Amino acid sequence: MTRFEVVRDPLWNNIRLEPEALAIVDTPAVQRLRYVRQLGHAFLVYPGATHTRFEHALGTYHLARRVLAQLDEPEGGGRRPDPAEGLAVRIAALLHDIGHYPFSHALEEAGLPHHEDLAARHLATGPLAGVLERLGLPASRLLPLIQGTSPSPLAGIVAGSLDVDKLDYLSRDATMCGVPYGVIDVDRLLTSLTLADGRLALHAKGLAALESLLFAKYQMYRNVYWHHAVRSATAMFKRLVRRTIAARRMTADTVAVATDDGLTHELQQHDPTGLAAALRERRLAKRALDIAGTDLPAETATWPATDPDLLQRVEERLARDAGLGPDELFLDFPSKPGMLDVTIPVVGRSGGAAQHIGLPRVAAELHRSAQRLRVFVMQPVSIPAKVVIDLVTKPREEVAASF
């Protein structure tokens, strides 16, 4: 009899792990994900948000199995997937976050390499690499699926505008945070998927469910991921880690393979900024400035979200001008302009899904309405709004020349 295990999951109930997945789950690299929270410091706002990358990995694997099983049914209407290709997709879904840092995406914002780029390190070395080789699934086969560069017709299941990663994390994050914003008709979306013209496609019956997914994503960014206290803690944490790496007390490589608690412990050992203790005790920086994206000029710069070195120089100057210490002020203006991008084709209709649903047509305005320009401070001070607005409307080169 084929060995398998059933894991009880609060979101999907029963998750059945096939022998290949079991062998991979039992490796140290995957077990590390049990100790990496999915939502970083969001638990400081939503106490239930302590779920981990491990739970998310199992859920993503589970949904990949469901998609492949649905595509394999004769009434699915498209080309049936190759079994070996299907196994690669399931394992890629299980391992899609294998390179993830502690504390969600904060360290990518801080200037460290993206977690998809770090996946190669885990897939090509250690016990996990050995298991993958025995399964005939080397890193060279899985990485393109994880990084979204694979030509496989099934690649969109792992990395695409309607991938199982989004279906799990939006549903799981909303459930664990206790908010109603991430409700998605997952069953409708899964049964609407097919293979057409050599790629993953959507039947027209799934368009309404796809639009609800995009709106759920917008709502989760607006209300959870970019919540002011979450962003304050994230800004403090980014500065703390950047100072620690700059002082050579830790390296980017050691940070990348740490767990949440392990990294927290190391950061507390020597912390001249005081930020580690402040985070531990939830003494978060408060808002001295908070401006809705829709109240800003239509054209704003991307450098606050994409250039952490310049951002820190600006923050230190603003802190000095306000009479604060160099680690007592944080400027935050998160940006995700592709938040509502969708490129999946629709069976029997010309063009892609974006042409047949309304949200992508107003994507830019919705992105602006989710954004907030904030300045967080550790001590009460007055921050001139005009100064900050002028900064975020200037191009990077002009700001860099002044700082």
Protein backbone atom coordinates (compact mmCIF):
# COMPACT_ATOMS: atom_id res chain seq x y z
CA MET A 1 0.00 0.00 0.00
CA THR A 2 1.25 3.49 -0.83
CA ARG A 3 2.24 5.37 2.31
CA PHE A 4 0.58 8.70 2.83
CA GLU A 5 -0.35 10.99 5.68
CA VAL A 6 -3.36 13.19 6.29
CA VAL A 7 -2.71 16.52 8.04
CA ARG A 8 -5.58 18.37 9.67
CA ASP A 9 -5.69 21.98 8.55
CA PRO A 10 -8.00 24.71 9.90
CA LEU A 11 -8.57 26.10 6.41
CA TRP A 12 -8.82 23.09 4.06
CA ASN A 13 -9.70 20.44 6.66
CA ASN A 14 -7.76 17.37 5.42
CA ILE A 15 -4.52 17.70 3.46
CA ARG A 16 -3.26 14.41 2.06
CA LEU A 17 0.50 14.20 1.61
CA GLU A 18 1.76 11.73 -0.97
CA PRO A 19 5.04 9.83 -0.35
CA GLU A 20 7.15 12.31 -2.36
CA ALA A 21 5.77 15.24 -0.38
CA LEU A 22 6.28 13.40 2.92
CA ALA A 23 9.95 12.85 2.15
CA ILE A 24 10.39 16.54 1.39
CA VAL A 25 8.43 17.79 4.40
CA ASP A 26 10.71 15.86 6.75
CA THR A 27 13.85 17.76 5.65
CA PRO A 28 15.34 20.50 7.89
CA ALA A 29 14.88 23.19 5.22
CA VAL A 30 11.12 22.64 5.14
CA GLN A 31 10.80 22.16 8.90
CA ARG A 32 12.39 25.61 9.36
CA LEU A 33 9.22 27.08 7.86
CA ARG A 34 7.30 25.98 10.97
CA TYR A 35 9.12 28.79 12.78
CA VAL A 36 8.67 31.55 10.19
CA ARG A 37 5.39 33.43 10.57
CA GLN A 38 3.42 34.07 7.43
CA LEU A 39 2.56 37.68 8.26
CA GLY A 40 5.60 38.95 10.12
CA HIS A 41 4.64 41.51 12.75
CA ALA A 42 0.92 41.46 11.92
CA PHE A 43 0.35 39.44 15.12
CA LEU A 44 0.99 42.67 17.03
CA VAL A 45 -2.29 43.91 15.56
CA TYR A 46 -4.19 40.69 14.84
CA PRO A 47 -3.32 38.25 17.67
CA GLY A 48 -4.40 35.23 15.63
CA ALA A 49 -1.93 35.98 12.83
CA THR A 50 0.69 33.57 14.12
CA HIS A 51 0.27 31.04 11.31
CA THR A 52 3.44 30.00 9.55
CA ARG A 53 5.00 29.53 6.13
CA PHE A 54 4.84 25.78 6.82
CA GLU A 55 1.03 25.77 7.03
CA HIS A 56 0.87 27.93 3.92
CA ALA A 57 3.22 25.57 2.05
CA LEU A 58 0.99 22.60 2.86
CA GLY A 59 -2.10 24.54 1.80
CA THR A 60 -0.51 25.61 -1.48
CA TYR A 61 0.51 22.00 -2.18
CA HIS A 62 -3.03 20.85 -1.38
CA LEU A 63 -4.58 23.33 -3.81
CA ALA A 64 -2.07 22.37 -6.53
CA ARG A 65 -3.19 18.75 -6.11
CA ARG A 66 -6.81 19.83 -6.45
CA VAL A 67 -6.13 21.83 -9.61
CA LEU A 68 -4.23 18.98 -11.23
CA ALA A 69 -6.92 16.46 -10.30
CA GLN A 70 -9.57 18.71 -11.82
CA LEU A 71 -7.55 19.19 -15.01
CA ASP A 72 -7.09 15.42 -15.25
CA GLU A 73 -10.82 14.79 -15.42
CA PRO A 74 -12.10 13.99 -18.97
CA GLU A 75 -14.82 16.62 -18.68
CA GLY A 76 -12.17 19.25 -17.95
CA GLY A 77 -12.20 20.14 -21.63
CA GLY A 78 -8.47 20.76 -22.08
CA ARG A 79 -5.25 18.79 -22.50
CA ARG A 80 -4.70 16.41 -19.59
CA PRO A 81 -1.45 17.12 -17.73
CA ASP A 82 1.54 14.80 -17.95
CA PRO A 83 1.91 12.90 -14.61
CA ALA A 84 5.63 13.69 -14.26
CA GLU A 85 4.95 17.35 -15.00
CA GLY A 86 2.14 17.29 -12.46
CA LEU A 87 4.46 15.95 -9.75
CA ALA A 88 6.96 18.74 -10.44
CA VAL A 89 4.18 21.31 -10.12
CA ARG A 90 2.94 19.86 -6.82
CA ILE A 91 6.43 19.82 -5.32
CA ALA A 92 7.19 23.32 -6.63
CA ALA A 93 3.99 24.52 -4.94
CA LEU A 94 5.09 22.86 -1.69
CA LEU A 95 8.53 24.50 -1.92
CA HIS A 96 7.60 27.87 -3.41
CA ASP A 97 8.49 29.72 -0.16
CA ILE A 98 11.50 27.58 0.78
CA GLY A 99 13.85 30.59 0.59
CA HIS A 100 11.64 32.90 2.63
CA TYR A 101 13.12 35.20 5.24
CA PRO A 102 11.88 35.52 8.81
CA PHE A 103 9.15 38.13 9.29
CA SER A 104 7.43 38.03 5.90
CA HIS A 105 8.62 40.44 3.18
CA ALA A 106 10.18 43.07 5.46
CA LEU A 107 13.77 42.08 4.71
CA GLU A 108 13.20 42.19 0.96
CA GLU A 109 12.00 45.75 1.47
CA ALA A 110 15.17 46.35 3.48
CA GLY A 111 17.29 45.56 0.44
CA LEU A 112 18.06 41.86 0.82
CA PRO A 113 17.58 39.59 -2.25
CA HIS A 114 14.07 38.35 -3.01
CA HIS A 115 13.17 35.03 -1.43
CA GLU A 116 12.54 33.40 -4.84
CA ASP A 117 16.20 34.08 -5.64
CA LEU A 118 17.27 32.38 -2.41
CA ALA A 119 15.32 29.21 -3.19
CA ALA A 120 18.28 27.83 -5.19
CA ARG A 121 20.42 27.76 -2.05
CA HIS A 122 17.95 25.44 -0.29
CA LEU A 123 17.05 23.29 -3.29
CA ALA A 124 20.64 22.61 -4.35
CA THR A 125 22.30 21.82 -1.00
CA GLY A 126 21.73 19.68 2.07
CA PRO A 127 19.24 16.90 2.76
CA LEU A 128 16.50 18.55 0.69
CA ALA A 129 18.68 18.47 -2.43
CA GLY A 130 19.34 14.78 -1.84
CA VAL A 131 15.64 13.96 -1.60
CA LEU A 132 14.87 15.94 -4.73
CA GLU A 133 17.59 14.15 -6.69
CA ARG A 134 16.18 10.77 -5.64
CA LEU A 135 12.75 11.90 -6.84
CA GLY A 136 14.14 13.06 -10.19
CA LEU A 137 13.25 16.67 -9.37
CA PRO A 138 16.51 18.63 -9.30
CA ALA A 139 16.63 22.34 -8.53
CA SER A 140 17.06 23.12 -12.22
CA ARG A 141 13.57 21.75 -12.84
CA LEU A 142 11.80 23.29 -9.87
CA LEU A 143 13.35 26.76 -9.81
CA PRO A 144 11.75 27.99 -13.07
CA LEU A 145 8.34 26.96 -11.73
CA ILE A 146 8.96 28.76 -8.43
CA GLN A 147 10.43 31.86 -10.07
CA GLY A 148 7.73 32.13 -12.76
CA THR A 149 10.03 31.54 -15.73
CA SER A 150 9.01 28.00 -16.70
CA PRO A 151 7.57 27.40 -20.20
CA SER A 152 5.42 24.57 -18.84
CA PRO A 153 1.68 24.84 -19.62
CA LEU A 154 1.13 24.18 -15.92
CA ALA A 155 3.48 26.94 -14.71
CA GLY A 156 0.61 29.31 -13.94
CA ILE A 157 -0.55 26.99 -11.16
CA VAL A 158 2.55 27.85 -9.10
CA ALA A 159 3.37 31.41 -10.23
CA GLY A 160 0.76 33.37 -12.15
CA SER A 161 -2.09 35.82 -11.78
CA LEU A 162 -4.37 33.01 -10.53
CA ASP A 163 -1.92 30.73 -8.74
CA VAL A 164 -2.50 28.49 -5.74
CA ASP A 165 -0.17 30.66 -3.65
CA LYS A 166 -2.66 33.56 -3.78
CA LEU A 167 -5.66 31.30 -3.22
CA ASP A 168 -4.14 29.94 -0.03
CA TYR A 169 -2.51 33.02 1.48
CA LEU A 170 -5.47 35.34 0.97
CA SER A 171 -7.89 32.78 2.42
CA ARG A 172 -5.54 31.74 5.25
CA ASP A 173 -4.48 35.27 6.21
CA ALA A 174 -8.08 36.48 6.40
CA THR A 175 -9.15 33.46 8.46
CA MET A 176 -6.30 33.71 10.94
CA CYS A 177 -6.59 37.49 11.28
CA GLY A 178 -10.34 37.14 11.85
CA VAL A 179 -11.28 39.59 9.11
CA PRO A 180 -13.91 39.15 6.35
CA TYR A 181 -11.91 40.80 3.58
CA GLY A 182 -10.18 37.77 2.01
CA VAL A 183 -13.26 35.67 1.25
CA ILE A 184 -12.73 33.92 -2.11
CA ASP A 185 -14.85 31.37 -3.96
CA VAL A 186 -11.96 28.93 -4.24
CA ASP A 187 -14.07 26.00 -5.42
CA ARG A 188 -15.51 28.03 -8.30
CA LEU A 189 -12.07 29.21 -9.37
CA LEU A 190 -10.53 25.73 -9.26
CA THR A 191 -13.33 24.16 -11.28
CA SER A 192 -13.07 26.99 -13.82
CA LEU A 193 -9.44 26.28 -14.69
CA THR A 194 -8.43 24.39 -17.82
CA LEU A 195 -5.54 24.01 -20.25
CA ALA A 196 -5.98 25.80 -23.57
CA ASP A 197 -3.50 26.84 -26.27
CA GLY A 198 -0.59 25.51 -24.23
CA ARG A 199 -1.26 27.42 -21.03
CA LEU A 200 -3.49 27.63 -18.00
CA ALA A 201 -6.80 29.30 -18.85
CA LEU A 202 -10.09 30.20 -17.21
CA HIS A 203 -13.62 29.35 -18.28
CA ALA A 204 -15.91 32.38 -18.44
CA LYS A 205 -17.95 30.98 -15.54
CA GLY A 206 -15.02 31.81 -13.26
CA LEU A 207 -14.75 35.51 -14.11
CA ALA A 208 -16.90 36.74 -11.24
CA ALA A 209 -14.92 34.65 -8.75
CA LEU A 210 -11.66 36.00 -10.19
CA GLU A 211 -12.88 39.56 -9.75
CA SER A 212 -13.76 38.80 -6.13
CA LEU A 213 -10.23 37.44 -5.60
CA LEU A 214 -8.71 40.67 -6.88
CA PHE A 215 -10.99 42.73 -4.67
CA ALA A 216 -10.11 40.54 -1.68
CA LYS A 217 -6.44 41.17 -2.41
CA TYR A 218 -7.02 44.92 -2.53
CA GLN A 219 -8.95 44.81 0.76
CA MET A 220 -6.28 42.74 2.50
CA TYR A 221 -3.55 45.18 1.49
CA ARG A 222 -5.61 48.13 2.59
CA ASN A 223 -6.76 46.71 5.92
CA VAL A 224 -4.19 44.10 6.99
CA TYR A 225 -0.86 44.12 5.15
CA TRP A 226 -0.63 47.93 5.12
CA HIS A 227 -2.33 48.54 8.49
CA HIS A 228 -0.56 51.47 10.17
CA ALA A 229 0.69 49.51 13.20
CA VAL A 230 1.90 46.63 11.02
CA ARG A 231 3.81 49.09 8.84
CA SER A 232 5.26 50.85 11.91
CA ALA A 233 6.62 47.57 13.27
CA THR A 234 7.89 46.63 9.81
CA ALA A 235 9.74 49.94 9.44
CA MET A 236 11.35 49.56 12.87
CA PHE A 237 12.37 45.98 12.13
CA LYS A 238 13.91 46.88 8.76
CA ARG A 239 16.04 49.59 10.37
CA LEU A 240 17.11 47.23 13.17
CA VAL A 241 18.27 44.52 10.75
CA ARG A 242 20.00 47.00 8.43
CA ARG A 243 21.94 48.44 11.41
CA THR A 244 22.86 44.94 12.57
CA ILE A 245 24.18 43.90 9.15
CA ALA A 246 26.01 47.20 8.67
CA ALA A 247 27.75 46.67 12.03
CA ARG A 248 28.70 43.14 10.90
CA ARG A 249 27.05 41.52 13.89
CA MET A 250 25.15 39.33 11.43
CA THR A 251 25.40 38.72 7.69
CA ALA A 252 22.62 38.73 5.12
CA ASP A 253 23.24 35.00 4.64
CA THR A 254 22.73 34.15 8.31
CA VAL A 255 19.63 36.32 8.49
CA ALA A 256 18.20 34.51 5.45
CA VAL A 257 18.22 31.09 7.12
CA ALA A 258 17.12 32.22 10.58
CA THR A 259 13.72 31.69 12.15
CA ASP A 260 11.57 34.45 13.62
CA ASP A 261 12.47 33.67 17.24
CA GLY A 262 16.10 32.90 16.43
CA LEU A 263 16.57 36.22 14.66
CA THR A 264 14.73 38.08 17.41
CA HIS A 265 17.05 36.57 20.02
CA GLU A 266 20.17 37.51 18.06
CA LEU A 267 18.96 41.07 17.48
CA GLN A 268 18.33 41.54 21.20
CA GLN A 269 21.85 40.50 22.21
CA HIS A 270 23.42 43.79 21.15
CA ASP A 271 21.01 46.54 20.15
CA PRO A 272 22.25 50.13 20.50
CA THR A 273 19.15 51.38 18.65
CA GLY A 274 16.72 50.12 21.30
CA LEU A 275 14.40 48.97 18.53
CA ALA A 276 14.60 45.27 19.39
CA ALA A 277 13.30 45.85 22.91
CA ALA A 278 10.68 48.29 21.64
CA LEU A 279 9.33 45.69 19.20
CA ARG A 280 9.38 42.98 21.83
CA GLU A 281 7.34 45.17 24.19
CA ARG A 282 5.12 46.56 21.40
CA ARG A 283 6.26 50.14 21.91
CA LEU A 284 5.70 51.04 18.28
CA ALA A 285 6.54 54.30 16.55
CA LYS A 286 3.46 56.52 16.27
CA ARG A 287 2.12 58.38 13.26
CA ALA A 288 3.30 61.97 12.98
CA LEU A 289 1.95 62.11 9.43
CA ASP A 290 -0.64 59.96 7.67
CA ILE A 291 -1.88 60.98 4.22
CA ALA A 292 -4.14 58.94 1.94
CA GLY A 293 -2.69 58.10 -1.45
CA THR A 294 -5.72 59.67 -3.10
CA ASP A 295 -4.85 63.00 -1.43
CA LEU A 296 -1.41 63.03 -3.01
CA PRO A 297 -0.53 64.23 -6.51
CA ALA A 298 -1.29 61.62 -9.17
CA GLU A 299 2.40 61.21 -9.96
CA THR A 300 4.42 59.99 -6.99
CA ALA A 301 7.87 58.45 -6.93
CA THR A 302 8.61 54.78 -6.32
CA TRP A 303 11.97 55.26 -4.58
CA PRO A 304 10.56 55.12 -1.00
CA ALA A 305 9.49 51.52 -1.69
CA THR A 306 12.34 50.45 -3.97
CA ASP A 307 15.53 52.17 -2.76
CA PRO A 308 16.12 51.35 0.93
CA ASP A 309 19.53 53.03 1.02
CA LEU A 310 18.17 56.36 -0.18
CA LEU A 311 15.12 55.97 2.06
CA GLN A 312 17.33 55.61 5.13
CA ARG A 313 19.36 58.69 4.21
CA VAL A 314 16.16 60.70 3.85
CA GLU A 315 14.81 59.37 7.14
CA GLU A 316 18.00 60.29 8.99
CA ARG A 317 17.91 63.84 7.60
CA LEU A 318 14.24 64.26 8.50
CA ALA A 319 14.96 62.93 12.00
CA ARG A 320 17.83 65.38 12.48
CA ASP A 321 15.70 68.29 11.26
CA ALA A 322 12.95 67.27 13.71
CA GLY A 323 15.37 67.02 16.64
CA LEU A 324 15.15 63.21 16.80
CA GLY A 325 17.82 60.55 16.95
CA PRO A 326 18.82 58.76 13.72
CA ASP A 327 16.69 55.69 14.55
CA GLU A 328 13.61 57.53 15.77
CA LEU A 329 11.88 58.40 12.48
CA PHE A 330 10.64 56.19 9.64
CA LEU A 331 9.09 57.21 6.35
CA ASP A 332 6.73 54.62 4.90
CA PHE A 333 5.08 54.68 1.49
CA PRO A 334 4.55 51.05 0.37
CA SER A 335 3.80 50.41 -3.27
CA LYS A 336 2.54 47.41 -5.23
CA PRO A 337 1.35 48.78 -8.59
CA GLY A 338 0.81 45.27 -10.00
CA MET A 339 -1.60 44.42 -7.18
CA LEU A 340 -4.53 43.88 -9.54
CA ASP A 341 -2.66 42.60 -12.60
CA VAL A 342 -4.29 39.60 -14.24
CA THR A 343 -3.11 37.97 -17.48
CA ILE A 344 -4.88 34.60 -17.62
CA PRO A 345 -6.74 33.93 -20.93
CA VAL A 346 -10.47 33.19 -21.00
CA VAL A 347 -11.68 30.17 -22.95
CA GLY A 348 -13.92 31.05 -25.86
CA ARG A 349 -13.41 34.80 -25.57
CA SER A 350 -10.96 37.12 -27.21
CA GLY A 351 -8.33 38.71 -25.01
CA GLY A 352 -7.52 37.95 -21.40
CA ALA A 353 -9.49 38.11 -18.18
CA ALA A 354 -8.51 41.75 -17.58
CA GLN A 355 -10.66 42.78 -20.57
CA HIS A 356 -13.73 41.05 -19.18
CA ILE A 357 -13.77 42.19 -15.55
CA GLY A 358 -13.92 45.69 -14.18
CA LEU A 359 -11.25 45.92 -11.49
CA PRO A 360 -8.12 46.05 -13.70
CA ARG A 361 -9.61 49.04 -15.52
CA VAL A 362 -9.48 51.06 -12.32
CA ALA A 363 -6.39 49.33 -10.90
CA ALA A 364 -4.27 52.48 -10.66
CA GLU A 365 -6.89 54.34 -8.67
CA LEU A 366 -7.51 51.38 -6.35
CA HIS A 367 -3.78 51.09 -5.73
CA ARG A 368 -3.67 54.79 -4.80
CA SER A 369 -6.63 54.35 -2.45
CA ALA A 370 -4.84 51.49 -0.66
CA GLN A 371 -1.63 53.48 -0.24
CA ARG A 372 -0.85 55.71 2.75
CA LEU A 373 2.11 58.05 3.08
CA ARG A 374 3.15 57.89 6.71
CA VAL A 375 5.93 59.16 8.94
CA PHE A 376 6.36 57.21 12.17
CA VAL A 377 8.25 58.66 15.14
CA MET A 378 9.42 57.31 18.48
CA GLN A 379 8.81 60.65 20.23
CA PRO A 380 6.05 63.22 19.62
CA VAL A 381 7.17 65.82 17.07
CA SER A 382 5.61 67.86 14.31
CA ILE A 383 6.51 66.86 10.74
CA PRO A 384 5.70 69.37 7.97
CA ALA A 385 3.46 67.57 5.48
CA LYS A 386 4.60 69.71 2.56
CA VAL A 387 8.24 68.72 3.02
CA VAL A 388 7.41 65.01 2.89
CA ILE A 389 4.96 65.33 0.00
CA ASP A 390 7.52 67.29 -2.00
CA LEU A 391 10.03 64.50 -1.41
CA VAL A 392 7.80 61.66 -2.61
CA THR A 393 6.82 63.54 -5.74
CA LYS A 394 10.43 64.08 -6.82
CA PRO A 395 12.24 61.50 -8.95
CA ARG A 396 14.86 59.35 -7.28
CA GLU A 397 17.80 61.09 -8.98
CA GLU A 398 16.76 64.52 -7.76
CA VAL A 399 16.29 63.32 -4.18
CA ALA A 400 19.57 61.37 -4.22
CA ALA A 401 21.44 64.49 -5.33
CA SER A 402 20.13 66.36 -2.28
CA PHE A 403 20.73 63.62 0.27
